Structure formats: structure tokens, C-alpha cells
Amino acid sequence: MIKDAQYYTDLLLSLYSCKVPFTLEVVHTKPKKRLGTYYPKTARIKIFDGWRDVHNCDETAIHEYAHHLHYTEFEKRKKKQAPPTAVSFGRSTVN
């Protein structure tokens, strides 16, 4: 059964409703080294369903969704809690 992007989006949102929207694309190819990928700058998940005969694409979608949640929800919180960087107010001397 070939599943479309709406199927995966509904699946992921049923697990956890994220705070930042994402887009999901299903690509009907079989790259050599990946099952899916996540692009943090555009909040886009890409699932390669050419592997569906060997791997469960649902698991790949969940894995990539975890990347989305990490980058959009946990990284922002970590940046807010980061201690201020040290600032030097001393004078520099040139010899």
C-alpha cells in the first residue's frame, strides 16, 4: 500500500501536536543511503518510499518527526536557558 503525505502528517500529529508547523513530502525513489531526511531551515520532512518493501516508512516518518521536534522545540528552549557569554570590559594595550 502506497501512503501519501497526508497519511504521514495525520499519523505524526496524532502522536504529538507540535508547536511549529512542518511540511511533509513523499518521494518515490530509493536513494542508496537514506530512508528519509529533515531540513531544519524549512521545517520539511522528506520520506523516500522506495524502501517500503524492506523498511516500514511509518518508522522513518516518526524518526524524521523527532528531528523536527528536537530542532523546533528543544533547541529554542536550550538557547533561552543558555548562560550569558563573558564580556570583557578591560582596556587592551598595544606595544
PDB file of N, CA and C in Angstrom:
ATOM      1  N   MET A   1       0.836  -1.190   0.000  1.00  0.00           N
ATOM      2  CA  MET A   1       0.000   0.000   0.000  1.00  0.00           C
ATOM      3  C   MET A   1       0.878   1.249   0.000  1.00  0.00           C
ATOM      4  N   ILE A   2       0.684   2.102  -0.964  1.00  0.00           N
ATOM      5  CA  ILE A   2       1.424   3.353  -1.042  1.00  0.00           C
ATOM      6  C   ILE A   2       0.668   4.410  -0.236  1.00  0.00           C
ATOM      7  N   LYS A   3       1.389   5.034   0.692  1.00  0.00           N
ATOM      8  CA  LYS A   3       0.788   6.034   1.567  1.00  0.00           C
ATOM      9  C   LYS A   3       1.221   7.418   1.097  1.00  0.00           C
ATOM     10  N   ASP A   4       0.306   8.376   1.195  1.00  0.00           N
ATOM     11  CA  ASP A   4       0.618   9.732   0.739  1.00  0.00           C
ATOM     12  C   ASP A   4       1.051  10.618   1.910  1.00  0.00           C
ATOM     13  N   ALA A   5       1.423  11.838   1.589  1.00  0.00           N
ATOM     14  CA  ALA A   5       1.916  12.781   2.589  1.00  0.00           C
ATOM     15  C   ALA A   5       0.864  13.070   3.664  1.00  0.00           C
ATOM     16  N   GLN A   6      -0.397  13.127   3.293  1.00  0.00           N
ATOM     17  CA  GLN A   6      -1.455  13.405   4.274  1.00  0.00           C
ATOM     18  C   GLN A   6      -1.551  12.277   5.305  1.00  0.00           C
ATOM     19  N   TYR A   7      -1.376  11.041   4.870  1.00  0.00           N
ATOM     20  CA  TYR A   7      -1.390   9.900   5.796  1.00  0.00           C
ATOM     21  C   TYR A   7      -0.307  10.083   6.859  1.00  0.00           C
ATOM     22  N   TYR A   8       0.923  10.386   6.425  1.00  0.00           N
ATOM     23  CA  TYR A   8       2.037  10.534   7.376  1.00  0.00           C
ATOM     24  C   TYR A   8       1.853  11.756   8.271  1.00  0.00           C
ATOM     25  N   THR A   9       1.368  12.855   7.718  1.00  0.00           N
ATOM     26  CA  THR A   9       1.125  14.047   8.524  1.00  0.00           C
ATOM     27  C   THR A   9       0.098  13.752   9.610  1.00  0.00           C
ATOM     28  N   ASP A  10      -0.980  13.091   9.255  1.00  0.00           N
ATOM     29  CA  ASP A  10      -2.001  12.732  10.245  1.00  0.00           C
ATOM     30  C   ASP A  10      -1.435  11.789  11.305  1.00  0.00           C
ATOM     31  N   LEU A  11      -0.627  10.832  10.879  1.00  0.00           N
ATOM     32  CA  LEU A  11      -0.003   9.897  11.812  1.00  0.00           C
ATOM     33  C   LEU A  11       0.857  10.642  12.827  1.00  0.00           C
ATOM     34  N   LEU A  12       1.704  11.529  12.340  1.00  0.00           N
ATOM     35  CA  LEU A  12       2.627  12.242  13.220  1.00  0.00           C
ATOM     36  C   LEU A  12       1.893  13.177  14.172  1.00  0.00           C
ATOM     37  N   LEU A  13       0.914  13.884  13.673  1.00  0.00           N
ATOM     38  CA  LEU A  13       0.164  14.796  14.538  1.00  0.00           C
ATOM     39  C   LEU A  13      -0.693  14.043  15.545  1.00  0.00           C
ATOM     40  N   SER A  14      -1.046  12.798  15.264  1.00  0.00           N
ATOM     41  CA  SER A  14      -1.793  12.005  16.247  1.00  0.00           C
ATOM     42  C   SER A  14      -0.896  11.561  17.402  1.00  0.00           C
ATOM     43  N   LEU A  15       0.408  11.502  17.153  1.00  0.00           N
ATOM     44  CA  LEU A  15       1.352  11.133  18.208  1.00  0.00           C
ATOM     45  C   LEU A  15       1.659  12.311  19.121  1.00  0.00           C
ATOM     46  N   TYR A  16       1.865  13.487  18.518  1.00  0.00           N
ATOM     47  CA  TYR A  16       2.199  14.690  19.285  1.00  0.00           C
ATOM     48  C   TYR A  16       1.904  15.896  18.412  1.00  0.00           C
ATOM     49  N   SER A  17       1.184  16.834  18.960  1.00  0.00           N
ATOM     50  CA  SER A  17       0.849  18.046  18.220  1.00  0.00           C
ATOM     51  C   SER A  17       1.968  19.064  18.420  1.00  0.00           C
ATOM     52  N   CYS A  18       2.776  19.252  17.409  1.00  0.00           N
ATOM     53  CA  CYS A  18       3.931  20.142  17.538  1.00  0.00           C
ATOM     54  C   CYS A  18       3.509  21.605  17.497  1.00  0.00           C
ATOM     55  N   LYS A  19       4.399  22.449  18.002  1.00  0.00           N
ATOM     56  CA  LYS A  19       4.125  23.883  18.085  1.00  0.00           C
ATOM     57  C   LYS A  19       4.461  24.619  16.793  1.00  0.00           C
ATOM     58  N   VAL A  20       5.346  24.056  15.999  1.00  0.00           N
ATOM     59  CA  VAL A  20       5.785  24.686  14.757  1.00  0.00           C
ATOM     60  C   VAL A  20       5.325  23.812  13.585  1.00  0.00           C
ATOM     61  N   PRO A  21       4.599  24.384  12.633  1.00  0.00           N
ATOM     62  CA  PRO A  21       4.132  23.573  11.507  1.00  0.00           C
ATOM     63  C   PRO A  21       5.293  23.050  10.656  1.00  0.00           C
ATOM     64  N   PHE A  22       5.034  21.949   9.992  1.00  0.00           N
ATOM     65  CA  PHE A  22       6.033  21.343   9.110  1.00  0.00           C
ATOM     66  C   PHE A  22       5.344  20.906   7.830  1.00  0.00           C
ATOM     67  N   THR A  23       6.144  20.682   6.809  1.00  0.00           N
ATOM     68  CA  THR A  23       5.610  20.112   5.577  1.00  0.00           C
ATOM     69  C   THR A  23       6.244  18.744   5.397  1.00  0.00           C
ATOM     70  N   LEU A  24       5.511  17.871   4.756  1.00  0.00           N
ATOM     71  CA  LEU A  24       5.994  16.518   4.541  1.00  0.00           C
ATOM     72  C   LEU A  24       5.824  16.168   3.078  1.00  0.00           C
ATOM     73  N   GLU A  25       6.848  15.558   2.531  1.00  0.00           N
ATOM     74  CA  GLU A  25       6.837  15.173   1.123  1.00  0.00           C
ATOM     75  C   GLU A  25       7.215  13.695   1.011  1.00  0.00           C
ATOM     76  N   VAL A  26       6.470  12.962   0.239  1.00  0.00           N
ATOM     77  CA  VAL A  26       6.790  11.565  -0.035  1.00  0.00           C
ATOM     78  C   VAL A  26       7.395  11.501  -1.432  1.00  0.00           C
ATOM     79  N   VAL A  27       8.604  10.959  -1.508  1.00  0.00           N
ATOM     80  CA  VAL A  27       9.324  10.870  -2.769  1.00  0.00           C
ATOM     81  C   VAL A  27       9.421   9.393  -3.150  1.00  0.00           C
ATOM     82  N   HIS A  28       9.069   9.086  -4.365  1.00  0.00           N
ATOM     83  CA  HIS A  28       9.030   7.699  -4.824  1.00  0.00           C
ATOM     84  C   HIS A  28      10.354   7.274  -5.461  1.00  0.00           C
ATOM     85  N   THR A  29      11.430   7.422  -4.692  1.00  0.00           N
ATOM     86  CA  THR A  29      12.749   6.981  -5.138  1.00  0.00           C
ATOM     87  C   THR A  29      13.387   6.139  -4.036  1.00  0.00           C
ATOM     88  N   LYS A  30      14.505   5.532  -4.358  1.00  0.00           N
ATOM     89  CA  LYS A  30      15.210   4.665  -3.416  1.00  0.00           C
ATOM     90  C   LYS A  30      16.691   5.060  -3.386  1.00  0.00           C
ATOM     91  N   PRO A  31      17.024   6.121  -2.634  1.00  0.00           N
ATOM     92  CA  PRO A  31      18.437   6.503  -2.541  1.00  0.00           C
ATOM     93  C   PRO A  31      19.250   5.407  -1.853  1.00  0.00           C
ATOM     94  N   LYS A  32      20.549   5.394  -2.084  1.00  0.00           N
ATOM     95  CA  LYS A  32      21.393   4.337  -1.534  1.00  0.00           C
ATOM     96  C   LYS A  32      21.548   4.408  -0.015  1.00  0.00           C
ATOM     97  N   LYS A  33      21.566   5.612   0.545  1.00  0.00           N
ATOM     98  CA  LYS A  33      21.965   5.729   1.947  1.00  0.00           C
ATOM     99  C   LYS A  33      20.947   6.365   2.879  1.00  0.00           C
ATOM    100  N   ARG A  34      19.741   6.642   2.448  1.00  0.00           N
ATOM    101  CA  ARG A  34      18.807   7.240   3.391  1.00  0.00           C
ATOM    102  C   ARG A  34      17.381   6.801   3.129  1.00  0.00           C
ATOM    103  N   LEU A  35      16.628   6.798   4.217  1.00  0.00           N
ATOM    104  CA  LEU A  35      15.212   6.442   4.152  1.00  0.00           C
ATOM    105  C   LEU A  35      14.344   7.690   4.207  1.00  0.00           C
ATOM    106  N   GLY A  36      14.902   8.729   4.814  1.00  0.00           N
ATOM    107  CA  GLY A  36      14.191   9.991   4.935  1.00  0.00           C
ATOM    108  C   GLY A  36      15.174  11.052   5.367  1.00  0.00           C
ATOM    109  N   THR A  37      14.725  12.295   5.360  1.00  0.00           N
ATOM    110  CA  THR A  37      15.586  13.384   5.804  1.00  0.00           C
ATOM    111  C   THR A  37      14.726  14.519   6.330  1.00  0.00           C
ATOM    112  N   TYR A  38      15.349  15.358   7.153  1.00  0.00           N
ATOM    113  CA  TYR A  38      14.669  16.525   7.715  1.00  0.00           C
ATOM    114  C   TYR A  38      15.513  17.757   7.422  1.00  0.00           C
ATOM    115  N   TYR A  39      14.860  18.811   6.959  1.00  0.00           N
ATOM    116  CA  TYR A  39      15.536  20.076   6.658  1.00  0.00           C
ATOM    117  C   TYR A  39      15.109  21.113   7.696  1.00  0.00           C
ATOM    118  N   PRO A  40      15.964  21.405   8.681  1.00  0.00           N
ATOM    119  CA  PRO A  40      15.580  22.320   9.763  1.00  0.00           C
ATOM    120  C   PRO A  40      15.245  23.735   9.306  1.00  0.00           C
ATOM    121  N   LYS A  41      15.941  24.250   8.320  1.00  0.00           N
ATOM    122  CA  LYS A  41      15.697  25.635   7.896  1.00  0.00           C
ATOM    123  C   LYS A  41      14.310  25.833   7.304  1.00  0.00           C
ATOM    124  N   THR A  42      13.779  24.791   6.683  1.00  0.00           N
ATOM    125  CA  THR A  42      12.460  24.916   6.057  1.00  0.00           C
ATOM    126  C   THR A  42      11.392  24.093   6.774  1.00  0.00           C
ATOM    127  N   ALA A  43      11.781  23.381   7.839  1.00  0.00           N
ATOM    128  CA  ALA A  43      10.867  22.507   8.593  1.00  0.00           C
ATOM    129  C   ALA A  43      10.160  21.533   7.649  1.00  0.00           C
ATOM    130  N   ARG A  44      10.950  20.889   6.808  1.00  0.00           N
ATOM    131  CA  ARG A  44      10.409  19.964   5.813  1.00  0.00           C
ATOM    132  C   ARG A  44      10.932  18.551   6.046  1.00  0.00           C
ATOM    133  N   ILE A  45      10.022  17.611   6.041  1.00  0.00           N
ATOM    134  CA  ILE A  45      10.354  16.195   6.174  1.00  0.00           C
ATOM    135  C   ILE A  45      10.182  15.549   4.805  1.00  0.00           C
ATOM    136  N   LYS A  46      11.170  14.762   4.422  1.00  0.00           N
ATOM    137  CA  LYS A  46      11.086  14.048   3.141  1.00  0.00           C
ATOM    138  C   LYS A  46      11.231  12.559   3.428  1.00  0.00           C
ATOM    139  N   ILE A  47      10.253  11.770   2.983  1.00  0.00           N
ATOM    140  CA  ILE A  47      10.253  10.322   3.156  1.00  0.00           C
ATOM    141  C   ILE A  47      10.461   9.685   1.779  1.00  0.00           C
ATOM    142  N   PHE A  48      11.435   8.801   1.697  1.00  0.00           N
ATOM    143  CA  PHE A  48      11.694   8.075   0.454  1.00  0.00           C
ATOM    144  C   PHE A  48      10.996   6.720   0.550  1.00  0.00           C
ATOM    145  N   ASP A  49       9.914   6.550  -0.172  1.00  0.00           N
ATOM    146  CA  ASP A  49       9.140   5.310  -0.028  1.00  0.00           C
ATOM    147  C   ASP A  49       9.593   4.202  -0.966  1.00  0.00           C
ATOM    148  N   GLY A  50      10.680   4.391  -1.665  1.00  0.00           N
ATOM    149  CA  GLY A  50      11.217   3.320  -2.494  1.00  0.00           C
ATOM    150  C   GLY A  50      11.716   2.142  -1.664  1.00  0.00           C
ATOM    151  N   TRP A  51      11.915   2.373  -0.377  1.00  0.00           N
ATOM    152  CA  TRP A  51      12.379   1.335   0.540  1.00  0.00           C
ATOM    153  C   TRP A  51      11.225   0.579   1.203  1.00  0.00           C
ATOM    154  N   ARG A  52       9.993   0.877   0.857  1.00  0.00           N
ATOM    155  CA  ARG A  52       8.851   0.321   1.596  1.00  0.00           C
ATOM    156  C   ARG A  52       8.791  -1.197   1.579  1.00  0.00           C
ATOM    157  N   ASP A  53       9.447  -1.830   0.594  1.00  0.00           N
ATOM    158  CA  ASP A  53       9.453  -3.297   0.576  1.00  0.00           C
ATOM    159  C   ASP A  53      10.388  -3.883   1.639  1.00  0.00           C
ATOM    160  N   VAL A  54      11.329  -3.077   2.133  1.00  0.00           N
ATOM    161  CA  VAL A  54      12.305  -3.548   3.117  1.00  0.00           C
ATOM    162  C   VAL A  54      12.087  -2.914   4.485  1.00  0.00           C
ATOM    163  N   HIS A  55      11.730  -1.637   4.500  1.00  0.00           N
ATOM    164  CA  HIS A  55      11.593  -0.883   5.742  1.00  0.00           C
ATOM    165  C   HIS A  55      10.185  -0.308   5.874  1.00  0.00           C
ATOM    166  N   ASN A  56       9.781  -0.109   7.112  1.00  0.00           N
ATOM    167  CA  ASN A  56       8.492   0.488   7.394  1.00  0.00           C
ATOM    168  C   ASN A  56       8.635   2.011   7.304  1.00  0.00           C
ATOM    169  N   CYS A  57       7.974   2.622   6.372  1.00  0.00           N
ATOM    170  CA  CYS A  57       8.071   4.072   6.188  1.00  0.00           C
ATOM    171  C   CYS A  57       7.445   4.832   7.355  1.00  0.00           C
ATOM    172  N   ASP A  58       6.524   4.208   8.094  1.00  0.00           N
ATOM    173  CA  ASP A  58       5.951   4.857   9.277  1.00  0.00           C
ATOM    174  C   ASP A  58       7.056   5.155  10.293  1.00  0.00           C
ATOM    175  N   GLU A  59       7.958   4.197  10.486  1.00  0.00           N
ATOM    176  CA  GLU A  59       9.057   4.392  11.430  1.00  0.00           C
ATOM    177  C   GLU A  59       9.995   5.506  10.964  1.00  0.00           C
ATOM    178  N   THR A  60      10.234   5.561   9.681  1.00  0.00           N
ATOM    179  CA  THR A  60      11.081   6.625   9.132  1.00  0.00           C
ATOM    180  C   THR A  60      10.431   7.981   9.349  1.00  0.00           C
ATOM    181  N   ALA A  61       9.134   8.078   9.116  1.00  0.00           N
ATOM    182  CA  ALA A  61       8.416   9.337   9.320  1.00  0.00           C
ATOM    183  C   ALA A  61       8.509   9.770  10.775  1.00  0.00           C
ATOM    184  N   ILE A  62       8.333   8.838  11.694  1.00  0.00           N
ATOM    185  CA  ILE A  62       8.422   9.166  13.125  1.00  0.00           C
ATOM    186  C   ILE A  62       9.832   9.616  13.484  1.00  0.00           C
ATOM    187  N   HIS A  63      10.824   8.954  12.925  1.00  0.00           N
ATOM    188  CA  HIS A  63      12.222   9.331  13.176  1.00  0.00           C
ATOM    189  C   HIS A  63      12.497  10.762  12.709  1.00  0.00           C
ATOM    190  N   GLU A  64      12.066  11.085  11.500  1.00  0.00           N
ATOM    191  CA  GLU A  64      12.298  12.434  10.975  1.00  0.00           C
ATOM    192  C   GLU A  64      11.489  13.476  11.751  1.00  0.00           C
ATOM    193  N   TYR A  65      10.305  13.103  12.202  1.00  0.00           N
ATOM    194  CA  TYR A  65       9.472  13.997  13.021  1.00  0.00           C
ATOM    195  C   TYR A  65      10.165  14.298  14.342  1.00  0.00           C
ATOM    196  N   ALA A  66      10.862  13.319  14.891  1.00  0.00           N
ATOM    197  CA  ALA A  66      11.623  13.542  16.122  1.00  0.00           C
ATOM    198  C   ALA A  66      12.697  14.603  15.898  1.00  0.00           C
ATOM    199  N   HIS A  67      13.330  14.595  14.722  1.00  0.00           N
ATOM    200  CA  HIS A  67      14.297  15.652  14.400  1.00  0.00           C
ATOM    201  C   HIS A  67      13.599  17.014  14.389  1.00  0.00           C
ATOM    202  N   HIS A  68      12.419  17.074  13.791  1.00  0.00           N
ATOM    203  CA  HIS A  68      11.664  18.329  13.739  1.00  0.00           C
ATOM    204  C   HIS A  68      11.372  18.828  15.151  1.00  0.00           C
ATOM    205  N   LEU A  69      10.893  17.949  16.010  1.00  0.00           N
ATOM    206  CA  LEU A  69      10.585  18.346  17.380  1.00  0.00           C
ATOM    207  C   LEU A  69      11.843  18.804  18.106  1.00  0.00           C
ATOM    208  N   HIS A  70      12.932  18.115  17.909  1.00  0.00           N
ATOM    209  CA  HIS A  70      14.187  18.485  18.558  1.00  0.00           C
ATOM    210  C   HIS A  70      14.632  19.887  18.144  1.00  0.00           C
ATOM    211  N   TYR A  71      14.631  20.141  16.845  1.00  0.00           N
ATOM    212  CA  TYR A  71      15.103  21.437  16.354  1.00  0.00           C
ATOM    213  C   TYR A  71      14.145  22.573  16.678  1.00  0.00           C
ATOM    214  N   THR A  72      12.851  22.334  16.670  1.00  0.00           N
ATOM    215  CA  THR A  72      11.907  23.441  16.841  1.00  0.00           C
ATOM    216  C   THR A  72      11.486  23.670  18.281  1.00  0.00           C
ATOM    217  N   GLU A  73      11.495  22.649  19.112  1.00  0.00           N
ATOM    218  CA  GLU A  73      11.013  22.823  20.473  1.00  0.00           C
ATOM    219  C   GLU A  73      12.110  22.768  21.520  1.00  0.00           C
ATOM    220  N   PHE A  74      13.062  21.867  21.385  1.00  0.00           N
ATOM    221  CA  PHE A  74      14.071  21.732  22.418  1.00  0.00           C
ATOM    222  C   PHE A  74      15.263  22.660  22.213  1.00  0.00           C
ATOM    223  N   GLU A  75      15.668  22.885  20.982  1.00  0.00           N
ATOM    224  CA  GLU A  75      16.794  23.782  20.717  1.00  0.00           C
ATOM    225  C   GLU A  75      16.460  25.219  21.106  1.00  0.00           C
ATOM    226  N   LYS A  76      15.243  25.661  20.841  1.00  0.00           N
ATOM    227  CA  LYS A  76      14.852  27.021  21.213  1.00  0.00           C
ATOM    228  C   LYS A  76      14.881  27.195  22.724  1.00  0.00           C
ATOM    229  N   ARG A  77      14.397  26.192  23.449  1.00  0.00           N
ATOM    230  CA  ARG A  77      14.390  26.262  24.903  1.00  0.00           C
ATOM    231  C   ARG A  77      15.812  26.272  25.429  1.00  0.00           C
ATOM    232  N   LYS A  78      16.690  25.481  24.824  1.00  0.00           N
ATOM    233  CA  LYS A  78      18.084  25.428  25.256  1.00  0.00           C
ATOM    234  C   LYS A  78      18.758  26.778  25.047  1.00  0.00           C
ATOM    235  N   LYS A  79      18.467  27.432  23.914  1.00  0.00           N
ATOM    236  CA  LYS A  79      19.071  28.733  23.637  1.00  0.00           C
ATOM    237  C   LYS A  79      18.600  29.786  24.629  1.00  0.00           C
ATOM    238  N   LYS A  80      17.335  29.731  25.049  1.00  0.00           N
ATOM    239  CA  LYS A  80      16.816  30.691  26.023  1.00  0.00           C
ATOM    240  C   LYS A  80      17.465  30.511  27.382  1.00  0.00           C
ATOM    241  N   GLN A  81      17.810  29.280  27.742  1.00  0.00           N
ATOM    242  CA  GLN A  81      18.376  28.991  29.053  1.00  0.00           C
ATOM    243  C   GLN A  81      19.896  29.096  29.077  1.00  0.00           C
ATOM    244  N   ALA A  82      20.519  29.351  27.957  1.00  0.00           N
ATOM    245  CA  ALA A  82      21.974  29.402  27.902  1.00  0.00           C
ATOM    246  C   ALA A  82      22.486  30.571  28.739  1.00  0.00           C
ATOM    247  N   PRO A  83      23.547  30.359  29.507  1.00  0.00           N
ATOM    248  CA  PRO A  83      24.093  31.453  30.315  1.00  0.00           C
ATOM    249  C   PRO A  83      24.693  32.524  29.415  1.00  0.00           C
ATOM    250  N   PRO A  84      24.680  33.759  29.875  1.00  0.00           N
ATOM    251  CA  PRO A  84      25.252  34.825  29.043  1.00  0.00           C
ATOM    252  C   PRO A  84      26.742  34.595  28.826  1.00  0.00           C
ATOM    253  N   THR A  85      27.206  35.024  27.681  1.00  0.00           N
ATOM    254  CA  THR A  85      28.624  34.861  27.386  1.00  0.00           C
ATOM    255  C   THR A  85      29.419  35.921  28.128  1.00  0.00           C
ATOM    256  N   ALA A  86      30.649  35.611  28.440  1.00  0.00           N
ATOM    257  CA  ALA A  86      31.506  36.542  29.173  1.00  0.00           C
ATOM    258  C   ALA A  86      31.877  37.713  28.275  1.00  0.00           C
ATOM    259  N   VAL A  87      31.841  38.890  28.871  1.00  0.00           N
ATOM    260  CA  VAL A  87      32.194  40.096  28.140  1.00  0.00           C
ATOM    261  C   VAL A  87      33.330  40.773  28.883  1.00  0.00           C
ATOM    262  N   SER A  88      34.353  41.155  28.175  1.00  0.00           N
ATOM    263  CA  SER A  88      35.500  41.815  28.792  1.00  0.00           C
ATOM    264  C   SER A  88      35.361  43.320  28.638  1.00  0.00           C
ATOM    265  N   PHE A  89      35.486  44.043  29.760  1.00  0.00           N
ATOM    266  CA  PHE A  89      35.407  45.490  29.730  1.00  0.00           C
ATOM    267  C   PHE A  89      36.760  46.137  29.910  1.00  0.00           C
ATOM    268  N   GLY A  90      37.805  45.338  29.995  1.00  0.00           N
ATOM    269  CA  GLY A  90      39.150  45.873  30.217  1.00  0.00           C
ATOM    270  C   GLY A  90      39.701  46.545  28.973  1.00  0.00           C
ATOM    271  N   ARG A  91      40.744  47.352  29.161  1.00  0.00           N
ATOM    272  CA  ARG A  91      41.399  48.011  28.040  1.00  0.00           C
ATOM    273  C   ARG A  91      42.460  47.099  27.455  1.00  0.00           C
ATOM    274  N   SER A  92      42.616  47.169  26.165  1.00  0.00           N
ATOM    275  CA  SER A  92      43.701  46.425  25.548  1.00  0.00           C
ATOM    276  C   SER A  92      44.849  47.395  25.288  1.00  0.00           C
ATOM    277  N   THR A  93      46.037  46.902  25.458  1.00  0.00           N
ATOM    278  CA  THR A  93      47.208  47.747  25.230  1.00  0.00           C
ATOM    279  C   THR A  93      47.963  47.222  24.023  1.00  0.00           C
ATOM    280  N   VAL A  94      48.510  48.134  23.262  1.00  0.00           N
ATOM    281  CA  VAL A  94      49.278  47.762  22.094  1.00  0.00           C
ATOM    282  C   VAL A  94      50.720  48.159  22.347  1.00  0.00           C
ATOM    283  N   ASN A  95      51.651  47.244  22.174  1.00  0.00           N
ATOM    284  CA  ASN A  95      53.068  47.557  22.381  1.00  0.00           C
ATOM    285  C   ASN A  95      53.693  48.083  21.147  1.00  0.00           C
TER     286      ASN A  95
END
